[in-house]
């Protein structure tokens, strides 16, 4: 990537908008197991109910509300 490409991509990466670039899907957050430090992106989860942690089996919690900005971490 040249200087011009870097200059045009930098503002996209530095914004607090959840729409950062040309991704194909819109993530609204991630599910976390705080005991195991396990994370599952919401796009990787099927169904309406929170998933179970793959390590311990406990129900995971959702860590970002729709429409919020910034990182889910």
C-alpha atoms as a PDB file:
ATOM      1  CA  UNK A   1       0.000   0.000   0.000  1.00  0.00           C
ATOM      2  CA  UNK A   2       1.369   3.373  -0.917  1.00  0.00           C
ATOM      3  CA  UNK A   3       1.257   6.634   0.931  1.00  0.00           C
ATOM      4  CA  UNK A   4      -2.034   7.658  -0.679  1.00  0.00           C
ATOM      5  CA  UNK A   5      -3.690   4.370   0.305  1.00  0.00           C
ATOM      6  CA  UNK A   6      -2.445   4.724   3.863  1.00  0.00           C
ATOM      7  CA  UNK A   7      -3.774   8.269   4.099  1.00  0.00           C
ATOM      8  CA  UNK A   8      -7.241   7.257   2.896  1.00  0.00           C
ATOM      9  CA  UNK A   9      -7.490   4.149   5.109  1.00  0.00           C
ATOM     10  CA  UNK A  10      -6.284   5.736   8.364  1.00  0.00           C
ATOM     11  CA  UNK A  11      -9.456   7.767   9.079  1.00  0.00           C
ATOM     12  CA  UNK A  12     -11.604   4.667   8.558  1.00  0.00           C
ATOM     13  CA  UNK A  13      -9.612   2.736  11.159  1.00  0.00           C
ATOM     14  CA  UNK A  14      -9.540   5.548  13.711  1.00  0.00           C
ATOM     15  CA  UNK A  15     -13.260   6.284  13.829  1.00  0.00           C
ATOM     16  CA  UNK A  16     -15.492   5.088  16.666  1.00  0.00           C
ATOM     17  CA  UNK A  17     -18.094   3.966  14.161  1.00  0.00           C
ATOM     18  CA  UNK A  18     -18.964   0.244  14.221  1.00  0.00           C
ATOM     19  CA  UNK A  19     -18.915   0.354  10.391  1.00  0.00           C
ATOM     20  CA  UNK A  20     -15.188   0.162   9.728  1.00  0.00           C
ATOM     21  CA  UNK A  21     -14.410  -0.656   6.163  1.00  0.00           C
ATOM     22  CA  UNK A  22     -15.908  -3.030   3.662  1.00  0.00           C
ATOM     23  CA  UNK A  23     -16.813  -6.016   5.806  1.00  0.00           C
ATOM     24  CA  UNK A  24     -19.536  -8.291   4.514  1.00  0.00           C
ATOM     25  CA  UNK A  25     -21.430  -8.660   7.817  1.00  0.00           C
ATOM     26  CA  UNK A  26     -22.400  -6.315  10.607  1.00  0.00           C
ATOM     27  CA  UNK A  27     -21.294  -7.560  14.008  1.00  0.00           C
ATOM     28  CA  UNK A  28     -23.105  -6.169  17.018  1.00  0.00           C
ATOM     29  CA  UNK A  29     -20.693  -7.540  19.610  1.00  0.00           C
ATOM     30  CA  UNK A  30     -19.381 -10.725  21.121  1.00  0.00           C
ATOM     31  CA  UNK A  31     -20.284 -13.295  23.736  1.00  0.00           C
ATOM     32  CA  UNK A  32     -17.792 -13.731  26.586  1.00  0.00           C
ATOM     33  CA  UNK A  33     -17.078 -16.252  29.301  1.00  0.00           C
ATOM     34  CA  UNK A  34     -15.269 -14.184  31.904  1.00  0.00           C
ATOM     35  CA  UNK A  35     -14.116 -17.228  33.875  1.00  0.00           C
ATOM     36  CA  UNK A  36     -12.391 -18.843  30.877  1.00  0.00           C
ATOM     37  CA  UNK A  37     -11.597 -15.659  28.900  1.00  0.00           C
ATOM     38  CA  UNK A  38     -13.352 -17.254  25.930  1.00  0.00           C
ATOM     39  CA  UNK A  39     -14.856 -15.004  23.219  1.00  0.00           C
ATOM     40  CA  UNK A  40     -17.316 -15.821  20.427  1.00  0.00           C
ATOM     41  CA  UNK A  41     -18.231 -13.225  17.807  1.00  0.00           C
ATOM     42  CA  UNK A  42     -22.005 -12.839  17.529  1.00  0.00           C
ATOM     43  CA  UNK A  43     -21.835 -13.709  13.828  1.00  0.00           C
ATOM     44  CA  UNK A  44     -20.443 -17.143  14.755  1.00  0.00           C
ATOM     45  CA  UNK A  45     -23.403 -17.972  17.026  1.00  0.00           C
ATOM     46  CA  UNK A  46     -26.617 -19.514  15.725  1.00  0.00           C
ATOM     47  CA  UNK A  47     -29.977 -19.155  17.410  1.00  0.00           C
ATOM     48  CA  UNK A  48     -31.478 -16.532  19.689  1.00  0.00           C
ATOM     49  CA  UNK A  49     -30.187 -17.783  23.051  1.00  0.00           C
ATOM     50  CA  UNK A  50     -26.718 -17.022  24.447  1.00  0.00           C
ATOM     51  CA  UNK A  51     -24.258 -19.816  23.692  1.00  0.00           C
ATOM     52  CA  UNK A  52     -22.582 -22.043  26.240  1.00  0.00           C
ATOM     53  CA  UNK A  53     -18.863 -21.643  26.795  1.00  0.00           C
ATOM     54  CA  UNK A  54     -16.935 -24.292  24.842  1.00  0.00           C
ATOM     55  CA  UNK A  55     -14.531 -24.719  27.794  1.00  0.00           C
ATOM     56  CA  UNK A  56     -16.722 -24.783  30.932  1.00  0.00           C
ATOM     57  CA  UNK A  57     -20.297 -25.012  29.574  1.00  0.00           C
ATOM     58  CA  UNK A  58     -21.617 -21.933  31.423  1.00  0.00           C
ATOM     59  CA  UNK A  59     -23.850 -19.448  29.616  1.00  0.00           C
ATOM     60  CA  UNK A  60     -21.865 -16.646  27.981  1.00  0.00           C
ATOM     61  CA  UNK A  61     -22.769 -12.951  28.299  1.00  0.00           C
ATOM     62  CA  UNK A  62     -23.228 -10.484  25.440  1.00  0.00           C
ATOM     63  CA  UNK A  63     -20.753  -7.619  25.587  1.00  0.00           C
ATOM     64  CA  UNK A  64     -22.046  -4.790  23.407  1.00  0.00           C
ATOM     65  CA  UNK A  65     -25.440  -3.406  22.714  1.00  0.00           C
ATOM     66  CA  UNK A  66     -26.601  -2.800  19.151  1.00  0.00           C
ATOM     67  CA  UNK A  67     -25.754   0.651  17.900  1.00  0.00           C
ATOM     68  CA  UNK A  68     -22.897   1.218  20.296  1.00  0.00           C
ATOM     69  CA  UNK A  69     -19.504   2.198  18.987  1.00  0.00           C
ATOM     70  CA  UNK A  70     -15.980   1.132  19.670  1.00  0.00           C
ATOM     71  CA  UNK A  71     -14.512  -2.174  20.657  1.00  0.00           C
ATOM     72  CA  UNK A  72     -16.416  -4.988  22.343  1.00  0.00           C
ATOM     73  CA  UNK A  73     -13.399  -5.752  24.493  1.00  0.00           C
END
